C-alpha atoms as a PDB file:
ATOM      1  CA  UNK A   1     -33.365 163.605  44.286  1.00  0.00           C
ATOM      2  CA  UNK A   2     -32.512 161.339  47.199  1.00  0.00           C
ATOM      3  CA  UNK A   3     -31.070 161.741  50.654  1.00  0.00           C
ATOM      4  CA  UNK A   4     -30.772 159.514  53.651  1.00  0.00           C
ATOM      5  CA  UNK A   5     -31.445 160.751  57.195  1.00  0.00           C
ATOM      6  CA  UNK A   6     -27.834 161.895  57.490  1.00  0.00           C
ATOM      7  CA  UNK A   7     -26.622 161.263  53.957  1.00  0.00           C
ATOM      8  CA  UNK A   8     -25.802 163.740  51.214  1.00  0.00           C
ATOM      9  CA  UNK A   9     -28.455 165.288  49.009  1.00  0.00           C
ATOM     10  CA  UNK A  10     -28.163 163.876  45.507  1.00  0.00           C
ATOM     11  CA  UNK A  11     -29.801 164.552  42.171  1.00  0.00           C
ATOM     12  CA  UNK A  12     -29.802 163.305  38.610  1.00  0.00           C
ATOM     13  CA  UNK A  13     -27.591 165.470  36.406  1.00  0.00           C
ATOM     14  CA  UNK A  14     -27.275 165.331  32.630  1.00  0.00           C
ATOM     15  CA  UNK A  15     -24.234 167.586  32.181  1.00  0.00           C
ATOM     16  CA  UNK A  16     -22.768 171.022  32.779  1.00  0.00           C
ATOM     17  CA  UNK A  17     -21.274 173.675  30.559  1.00  0.00           C
ATOM     18  CA  UNK A  18     -20.113 177.292  30.450  1.00  0.00           C
ATOM     19  CA  UNK A  19     -22.124 179.809  28.446  1.00  0.00           C
ATOM     20  CA  UNK A  20     -22.758 183.489  27.848  1.00  0.00           C
ATOM     21  CA  UNK A  21     -25.916 185.100  26.532  1.00  0.00           C
ATOM     22  CA  UNK A  22     -29.397 183.826  27.302  1.00  0.00           C
ATOM     23  CA  UNK A  23     -28.655 181.814  30.467  1.00  0.00           C
ATOM     24  CA  UNK A  24     -28.427 184.905  32.657  1.00  0.00           C
ATOM     25  CA  UNK A  25     -26.014 187.806  33.079  1.00  0.00           C
ATOM     26  CA  UNK A  26     -22.320 187.340  32.415  1.00  0.00           C
ATOM     27  CA  UNK A  27     -20.587 184.017  31.969  1.00  0.00           C
ATOM     28  CA  UNK A  28     -22.564 181.188  33.537  1.00  0.00           C
ATOM     29  CA  UNK A  29     -21.863 177.734  34.871  1.00  0.00           C
ATOM     30  CA  UNK A  30     -24.952 175.972  33.516  1.00  0.00           C
ATOM     31  CA  UNK A  31     -26.062 172.786  35.261  1.00  0.00           C
ATOM     32  CA  UNK A  32     -28.406 170.612  33.181  1.00  0.00           C
ATOM     33  CA  UNK A  33     -30.592 168.450  35.405  1.00  0.00           C
ATOM     34  CA  UNK A  34     -32.270 165.326  34.082  1.00  0.00           C
ATOM     35  CA  UNK A  35     -36.000 164.783  33.790  1.00  0.00           C
ATOM     36  CA  UNK A  36     -38.811 166.927  32.401  1.00  0.00           C
ATOM     37  CA  UNK A  37     -42.607 166.578  32.587  1.00  0.00           C
ATOM     38  CA  UNK A  38     -43.124 168.409  29.265  1.00  0.00           C
ATOM     39  CA  UNK A  39     -42.448 167.189  25.745  1.00  0.00           C
ATOM     40  CA  UNK A  40     -42.024 170.430  23.828  1.00  0.00           C
ATOM     41  CA  UNK A  41     -42.038 169.793  20.108  1.00  0.00           C
ATOM     42  CA  UNK A  42     -39.120 172.177  19.602  1.00  0.00           C
ATOM     43  CA  UNK A  43     -37.005 170.904  22.518  1.00  0.00           C
ATOM     44  CA  UNK A  44     -33.303 171.006  21.678  1.00  0.00           C
ATOM     45  CA  UNK A  45     -32.367 168.610  24.482  1.00  0.00           C
ATOM     46  CA  UNK A  46     -34.556 165.498  24.281  1.00  0.00           C
ATOM     47  CA  UNK A  47     -31.700 163.598  25.907  1.00  0.00           C
ATOM     48  CA  UNK A  48     -32.613 165.351  29.193  1.00  0.00           C
ATOM     49  CA  UNK A  49     -36.237 164.181  29.241  1.00  0.00           C
ATOM     50  CA  UNK A  50     -35.799 161.066  31.374  1.00  0.00           C
ATOM     51  CA  UNK A  51     -34.401 161.360  34.867  1.00  0.00           C
ATOM     52  CA  UNK A  52     -33.037 157.823  34.782  1.00  0.00           C
ATOM     53  CA  UNK A  53     -30.692 158.772  31.947  1.00  0.00           C
ATOM     54  CA  UNK A  54     -28.831 161.230  34.167  1.00  0.00           C
ATOM     55  CA  UNK A  55     -25.926 160.522  36.481  1.00  0.00           C
ATOM     56  CA  UNK A  56     -26.412 160.696  40.234  1.00  0.00           C
ATOM     57  CA  UNK A  57     -24.407 163.534  41.748  1.00  0.00           C
ATOM     58  CA  UNK A  58     -24.199 164.918  45.263  1.00  0.00           C
ATOM     59  CA  UNK A  59     -24.500 168.612  45.943  1.00  0.00           C
ATOM     60  CA  UNK A  60     -20.901 168.549  47.190  1.00  0.00           C
ATOM     61  CA  UNK A  61     -19.722 167.107  43.866  1.00  0.00           C
ATOM     62  CA  UNK A  62     -21.585 169.784  41.953  1.00  0.00           C
ATOM     63  CA  UNK A  63     -20.178 172.545  44.150  1.00  0.00           C
ATOM     64  CA  UNK A  64     -16.657 171.167  43.751  1.00  0.00           C
ATOM     65  CA  UNK A  65     -17.036 171.447  39.978  1.00  0.00           C
ATOM     66  CA  UNK A  66     -18.493 174.954  40.224  1.00  0.00           C
ATOM     67  CA  UNK A  67     -15.645 175.957  42.540  1.00  0.00           C
ATOM     68  CA  UNK A  68     -13.100 175.335  39.806  1.00  0.00           C
ATOM     69  CA  UNK A  69     -14.663 178.143  37.773  1.00  0.00           C
ATOM     70  CA  UNK A  70     -15.652 180.516  40.564  1.00  0.00           C
ATOM     71  CA  UNK A  71     -12.872 183.114  40.035  1.00  0.00           C
ATOM     72  CA  UNK A  72     -13.676 183.249  36.323  1.00  0.00           C
ATOM     73  CA  UNK A  73     -17.431 183.458  36.905  1.00  0.00           C
ATOM     74  CA  UNK A  74     -17.187 186.309  39.393  1.00  0.00           C
ATOM     75  CA  UNK A  75     -14.670 188.235  37.287  1.00  0.00           C
ATOM     76  CA  UNK A  76     -16.953 187.871  34.250  1.00  0.00           C
ATOM     77  CA  UNK A  77     -20.000 189.105  36.162  1.00  0.00           C
ATOM     78  CA  UNK A  78     -21.701 185.748  35.926  1.00  0.00           C
ATOM     79  CA  UNK A  79     -22.829 182.955  38.176  1.00  0.00           C
ATOM     80  CA  UNK A  80     -24.658 179.637  38.154  1.00  0.00           C
ATOM     81  CA  UNK A  81     -27.790 178.691  36.217  1.00  0.00           C
ATOM     82  CA  UNK A  82     -29.806 175.544  36.852  1.00  0.00           C
ATOM     83  CA  UNK A  83     -31.668 174.320  33.800  1.00  0.00           C
ATOM     84  CA  UNK A  84     -32.632 171.003  32.278  1.00  0.00           C
ATOM     85  CA  UNK A  85     -34.729 169.171  31.721  1.00  0.00           C
ATOM     86  CA  UNK A  86     -36.769 170.805  34.467  1.00  0.00           C
ATOM     87  CA  UNK A  87     -34.875 171.607  37.686  1.00  0.00           C
ATOM     88  CA  UNK A  88     -38.054 171.772  39.762  1.00  0.00           C
ATOM     89  CA  UNK A  89     -38.667 168.091  39.068  1.00  0.00           C
ATOM     90  CA  UNK A  90     -35.926 167.690  41.715  1.00  0.00           C
ATOM     91  CA  UNK A  91     -36.797 170.560  44.064  1.00  0.00           C
ATOM     92  CA  UNK A  92     -34.729 169.388  47.037  1.00  0.00           C
ATOM     93  CA  UNK A  93     -31.559 168.981  45.005  1.00  0.00           C
ATOM     94  CA  UNK A  94     -32.135 172.202  43.083  1.00  0.00           C
ATOM     95  CA  UNK A  95     -32.827 174.134  46.259  1.00  0.00           C
ATOM     96  CA  UNK A  96     -29.706 172.765  47.944  1.00  0.00           C
ATOM     97  CA  UNK A  97     -27.478 173.756  45.008  1.00  0.00           C
ATOM     98  CA  UNK A  98     -28.981 177.247  44.893  1.00  0.00           C
ATOM     99  CA  UNK A  99     -28.485 177.694  48.630  1.00  0.00           C
ATOM    100  CA  UNK A 100     -24.843 176.600  48.459  1.00  0.00           C
ATOM    101  CA  UNK A 101     -24.191 178.930  45.526  1.00  0.00           C
ATOM    102  CA  UNK A 102     -25.701 181.857  47.422  1.00  0.00           C
ATOM    103  CA  UNK A 103     -23.567 181.023  50.440  1.00  0.00           C
ATOM    104  CA  UNK A 104     -20.547 181.065  48.119  1.00  0.00           C
ATOM    105  CA  UNK A 105     -21.464 184.551  46.915  1.00  0.00           C
ATOM    106  CA  UNK A 106     -22.427 183.456  43.411  1.00  0.00           C
ATOM    107  CA  UNK A 107     -25.295 184.931  41.404  1.00  0.00           C
ATOM    108  CA  UNK A 108     -28.005 182.273  40.971  1.00  0.00           C
ATOM    109  CA  UNK A 109     -30.503 181.706  38.173  1.00  0.00           C
ATOM    110  CA  UNK A 110     -33.245 179.123  37.754  1.00  0.00           C
ATOM    111  CA  UNK A 111     -34.438 178.236  34.251  1.00  0.00           C
ATOM    112  CA  UNK A 112     -37.908 176.690  34.427  1.00  0.00           C
ATOM    113  CA  UNK A 113     -41.127 176.274  32.493  1.00  0.00           C
ATOM    114  CA  UNK A 114     -43.030 177.199  35.650  1.00  0.00           C
ATOM    115  CA  UNK A 115     -45.201 174.079  35.327  1.00  0.00           C
ATOM    116  CA  UNK A 116     -43.867 172.857  38.673  1.00  0.00           C
ATOM    117  CA  UNK A 117     -43.505 176.312  40.187  1.00  0.00           C
ATOM    118  CA  UNK A 118     -45.536 175.284  43.220  1.00  0.00           C
ATOM    119  CA  UNK A 119     -42.641 172.979  44.168  1.00  0.00           C
ATOM    120  CA  UNK A 120     -40.318 175.965  44.609  1.00  0.00           C
ATOM    121  CA  UNK A 121     -40.686 177.082  48.210  1.00  0.00           C
ATOM    122  CA  UNK A 122     -40.354 180.718  49.176  1.00  0.00           C
ATOM    123  CA  UNK A 123     -37.021 179.766  50.748  1.00  0.00           C
ATOM    124  CA  UNK A 124     -35.744 178.360  47.456  1.00  0.00           C
ATOM    125  CA  UNK A 125     -36.860 181.478  45.620  1.00  0.00           C
ATOM    126  CA  UNK A 126     -35.106 183.633  48.225  1.00  0.00           C
ATOM    127  CA  UNK A 127     -31.883 181.918  47.144  1.00  0.00           C
ATOM    128  CA  UNK A 128     -32.682 182.613  43.478  1.00  0.00           C
ATOM    129  CA  UNK A 129     -31.453 185.934  42.130  1.00  0.00           C
ATOM    130  CA  UNK A 130     -33.098 185.472  38.740  1.00  0.00           C
ATOM    131  CA  UNK A 131     -35.752 183.219  37.247  1.00  0.00           C
ATOM    132  CA  UNK A 132     -35.618 182.509  33.523  1.00  0.00           C
ATOM    133  CA  UNK A 133     -39.275 181.715  32.912  1.00  0.00           C
ATOM    134  CA  UNK A 134     -39.978 179.838  29.685  1.00  0.00           C
ATOM    135  CA  UNK A 135     -43.446 180.721  28.432  1.00  0.00           C
ATOM    136  CA  UNK A 136     -44.114 178.363  25.543  1.00  0.00           C
ATOM    137  CA  UNK A 137     -47.275 180.034  24.245  1.00  0.00           C
ATOM    138  CA  UNK A 138     -50.003 182.322  25.546  1.00  0.00           C
ATOM    139  CA  UNK A 139     -52.726 180.386  23.723  1.00  0.00           C
ATOM    140  CA  UNK A 140     -54.051 177.616  25.976  1.00  0.00           C
ATOM    141  CA  UNK A 141     -54.761 175.192  23.148  1.00  0.00           C
ATOM    142  CA  UNK A 142     -51.496 175.840  21.351  1.00  0.00           C
ATOM    143  CA  UNK A 143     -49.607 175.455  24.611  1.00  0.00           C
ATOM    144  CA  UNK A 144     -51.051 171.997  25.195  1.00  0.00           C
ATOM    145  CA  UNK A 145     -50.431 170.892  21.604  1.00  0.00           C
ATOM    146  CA  UNK A 146     -46.893 172.223  21.717  1.00  0.00           C
ATOM    147  CA  UNK A 147     -45.870 170.894  25.135  1.00  0.00           C
ATOM    148  CA  UNK A 148     -48.383 168.345  26.366  1.00  0.00           C
ATOM    149  CA  UNK A 149     -48.885 170.490  29.478  1.00  0.00           C
ATOM    150  CA  UNK A 150     -50.996 173.320  30.860  1.00  0.00           C
ATOM    151  CA  UNK A 151     -50.300 177.054  30.652  1.00  0.00           C
ATOM    152  CA  UNK A 152     -52.072 178.020  33.898  1.00  0.00           C
ATOM    153  CA  UNK A 153     -49.313 176.937  36.358  1.00  0.00           C
ATOM    154  CA  UNK A 154     -46.750 179.032  34.478  1.00  0.00           C
ATOM    155  CA  UNK A 155     -48.875 182.169  34.664  1.00  0.00           C
ATOM    156  CA  UNK A 156     -49.603 181.512  38.333  1.00  0.00           C
ATOM    157  CA  UNK A 157     -45.878 181.122  39.007  1.00  0.00           C
ATOM    158  CA  UNK A 158     -45.111 184.360  37.153  1.00  0.00           C
ATOM    159  CA  UNK A 159     -47.626 186.185  39.326  1.00  0.00           C
ATOM    160  CA  UNK A 160     -46.110 184.664  42.450  1.00  0.00           C
ATOM    161  CA  UNK A 161     -42.580 185.691  41.415  1.00  0.00           C
ATOM    162  CA  UNK A 162     -43.867 189.215  40.961  1.00  0.00           C
ATOM    163  CA  UNK A 163     -45.473 189.194  44.406  1.00  0.00           C
ATOM    164  CA  UNK A 164     -42.233 187.951  45.990  1.00  0.00           C
ATOM    165  CA  UNK A 165     -40.093 190.457  44.111  1.00  0.00           C
ATOM    166  CA  UNK A 166     -37.986 187.853  42.281  1.00  0.00           C
ATOM    167  CA  UNK A 167     -36.278 189.297  39.194  1.00  0.00           C
ATOM    168  CA  UNK A 168     -37.457 187.514  36.057  1.00  0.00           C
ATOM    169  CA  UNK A 169     -36.526 187.202  32.408  1.00  0.00           C
ATOM    170  CA  UNK A 170     -39.222 185.794  30.137  1.00  0.00           C
ATOM    171  CA  UNK A 171     -38.010 183.419  27.429  1.00  0.00           C
ATOM    172  CA  UNK A 172     -40.228 182.900  24.391  1.00  0.00           C
ATOM    173  CA  UNK A 173     -39.281 180.525  21.593  1.00  0.00           C
ATOM    174  CA  UNK A 174     -40.593 181.810  18.273  1.00  0.00           C
ATOM    175  CA  UNK A 175     -41.793 178.937  16.082  1.00  0.00           C
ATOM    176  CA  UNK A 176     -43.463 179.808  12.762  1.00  0.00           C
ATOM    177  CA  UNK A 177     -47.011 178.497  12.681  1.00  0.00           C
ATOM    178  CA  UNK A 178     -46.976 177.749  16.408  1.00  0.00           C
ATOM    179  CA  UNK A 179     -46.028 180.767  18.520  1.00  0.00           C
ATOM    180  CA  UNK A 180     -46.198 183.637  16.030  1.00  0.00           C
ATOM    181  CA  UNK A 181     -49.942 184.309  16.274  1.00  0.00           C
ATOM    182  CA  UNK A 182     -50.249 188.104  16.724  1.00  0.00           C
ATOM    183  CA  UNK A 183     -53.132 187.911  19.209  1.00  0.00           C
ATOM    184  CA  UNK A 184     -51.308 185.394  21.399  1.00  0.00           C
ATOM    185  CA  UNK A 185     -48.104 187.446  21.306  1.00  0.00           C
ATOM    186  CA  UNK A 186     -50.008 190.614  22.230  1.00  0.00           C
ATOM    187  CA  UNK A 187     -51.776 188.744  25.011  1.00  0.00           C
ATOM    188  CA  UNK A 188     -48.482 187.618  26.495  1.00  0.00           C
ATOM    189  CA  UNK A 189     -46.961 191.069  26.030  1.00  0.00           C
ATOM    190  CA  UNK A 190     -49.870 192.615  27.922  1.00  0.00           C
ATOM    191  CA  UNK A 191     -49.589 190.058  30.719  1.00  0.00           C
ATOM    192  CA  UNK A 192     -45.847 190.561  31.053  1.00  0.00           C
ATOM    193  CA  UNK A 193     -46.191 194.351  31.102  1.00  0.00           C
ATOM    194  CA  UNK A 194     -48.185 194.023  34.316  1.00  0.00           C
ATOM    195  CA  UNK A 195     -45.343 192.250  36.134  1.00  0.00           C
ATOM    196  CA  UNK A 196     -43.018 194.705  37.866  1.00  0.00           C
ATOM    197  CA  UNK A 197     -40.183 192.204  38.290  1.00  0.00           C
ATOM    198  CA  UNK A 198     -39.791 191.277  34.599  1.00  0.00           C
ATOM    199  CA  UNK A 199     -36.631 192.935  33.294  1.00  0.00           C
ATOM    200  CA  UNK A 200     -36.714 191.671  29.721  1.00  0.00           C
ATOM    201  CA  UNK A 201     -38.117 189.212  27.217  1.00  0.00           C
ATOM    202  CA  UNK A 202     -35.761 187.049  25.166  1.00  0.00           C
ATOM    203  CA  UNK A 203     -37.452 186.085  21.882  1.00  0.00           C
ATOM    204  CA  UNK A 204     -35.475 183.019  20.839  1.00  0.00           C
ATOM    205  CA  UNK A 205     -35.754 181.942  17.185  1.00  0.00           C
ATOM    206  CA  UNK A 206     -36.610 178.268  16.757  1.00  0.00           C
ATOM    207  CA  UNK A 207     -33.699 176.174  15.470  1.00  0.00           C
ATOM    208  CA  UNK A 208     -33.001 172.545  14.640  1.00  0.00           C
ATOM    209  CA  UNK A 209     -29.652 172.092  16.368  1.00  0.00           C
ATOM    210  CA  UNK A 210     -31.072 169.210  18.384  1.00  0.00           C
ATOM    211  CA  UNK A 211     -32.288 167.229  15.364  1.00  0.00           C
ATOM    212  CA  UNK A 212     -29.395 164.767  15.534  1.00  0.00           C
ATOM    213  CA  UNK A 213     -30.279 163.948  19.135  1.00  0.00           C
ATOM    214  CA  UNK A 214     -33.794 162.887  18.094  1.00  0.00           C
ATOM    215  CA  UNK A 215     -32.335 160.649  15.437  1.00  0.00           C
ATOM    216  CA  UNK A 216     -29.883 159.092  17.896  1.00  0.00           C
ATOM    217  CA  UNK A 217     -32.713 158.455  20.382  1.00  0.00           C
ATOM    218  CA  UNK A 218     -35.020 157.059  17.707  1.00  0.00           C
ATOM    219  CA  UNK A 219     -37.596 159.728  18.546  1.00  0.00           C
ATOM    220  CA  UNK A 220     -39.467 161.524  15.737  1.00  0.00           C
ATOM    221  CA  UNK A 221     -38.688 165.239  15.504  1.00  0.00           C
ATOM    222  CA  UNK A 222     -42.144 166.677  14.896  1.00  0.00           C
ATOM    223  CA  UNK A 223     -40.864 170.052  13.672  1.00  0.00           C
ATOM    224  CA  UNK A 224     -38.209 168.761  11.279  1.00  0.00           C
ATOM    225  CA  UNK A 225     -39.951 170.471   8.352  1.00  0.00           C
ATOM    226  CA  UNK A 226     -40.669 173.725  10.193  1.00  0.00           C
ATOM    227  CA  UNK A 227     -38.392 176.565   9.082  1.00  0.00           C
ATOM    228  CA  UNK A 228     -36.709 178.907  11.548  1.00  0.00           C
ATOM    229  CA  UNK A 229     -38.361 182.346  11.693  1.00  0.00           C
ATOM    230  CA  UNK A 230     -36.935 184.952   9.373  1.00  0.00           C
ATOM    231  CA  UNK A 231     -35.321 188.036  10.946  1.00  0.00           C
ATOM    232  CA  UNK A 232     -38.268 190.269  10.001  1.00  0.00           C
ATOM    233  CA  UNK A 233     -40.747 188.063  11.890  1.00  0.00           C
ATOM    234  CA  UNK A 234     -38.442 187.842  14.894  1.00  0.00           C
ATOM    235  CA  UNK A 235     -38.092 191.615  15.024  1.00  0.00           C
ATOM    236  CA  UNK A 236     -41.853 192.106  14.666  1.00  0.00           C
ATOM    237  CA  UNK A 237     -42.514 189.871  17.659  1.00  0.00           C
ATOM    238  CA  UNK A 238     -39.865 191.644  19.714  1.00  0.00           C
ATOM    239  CA  UNK A 239     -41.507 194.884  18.694  1.00  0.00           C
ATOM    240  CA  UNK A 240     -44.843 193.810  20.183  1.00  0.00           C
ATOM    241  CA  UNK A 241     -43.244 193.314  23.603  1.00  0.00           C
ATOM    242  CA  UNK A 242     -41.477 196.664  23.319  1.00  0.00           C
ATOM    243  CA  UNK A 243     -44.774 198.331  22.371  1.00  0.00           C
ATOM    244  CA  UNK A 244     -46.136 197.157  25.712  1.00  0.00           C
ATOM    245  CA  UNK A 245     -43.163 198.650  27.524  1.00  0.00           C
ATOM    246  CA  UNK A 246     -40.955 195.584  28.075  1.00  0.00           C
ATOM    247  CA  UNK A 247     -37.406 195.429  26.664  1.00  0.00           C
ATOM    248  CA  UNK A 248     -37.112 192.542  24.213  1.00  0.00           C
ATOM    249  CA  UNK A 249     -34.070 190.977  22.596  1.00  0.00           C
END
């Protein structure tokens, strides 16, 4: 993100799209920012990892694009979701887009791993109606092997969101052999049950839809031989969250 003393706020953007389902309520305008500090083995968007691969866009340009869909978004009970990559790698740009969306009366959502949660000021979070918090694993060692990062900042951010009263959806990618350990799932379910602002957990089955992107980038796809979870396993994991009192889908 860059800005001159009087110049426009700009950020590096990979792309945007419209979606329904796991990106927040209703139909969403989803803005994919470029750059991510993690290297999740199951990442479906490795083409968003490097900030330099994105295109520089001003906040005004982004809002002009969003404006074209605003009547449809509001009618469909949706809004705008910032994802990536990792939006909090560009906190100034992300915060400016969220603020403008709020001023336009649009529901706002921030999809983040929480690793850089400390970069989100209270003011930015006040402009965020919903945080989609991606918890990669509740096992510290597995988290580092899976992502290259640390679990602690994500848990700290979750606790802070709860303290500030920010509505949160937890997103948990289910990868056989990586994130299906019963003790780790129960540990996360217990942690989440203690957060008053968590409305739901989305257990997302691992898939390989991004495999072609790895091949195009010349990057090995470490989980190419890992099968997606079967429906019975997925339902069992969802059941553990429900057993702790949190709706899971």
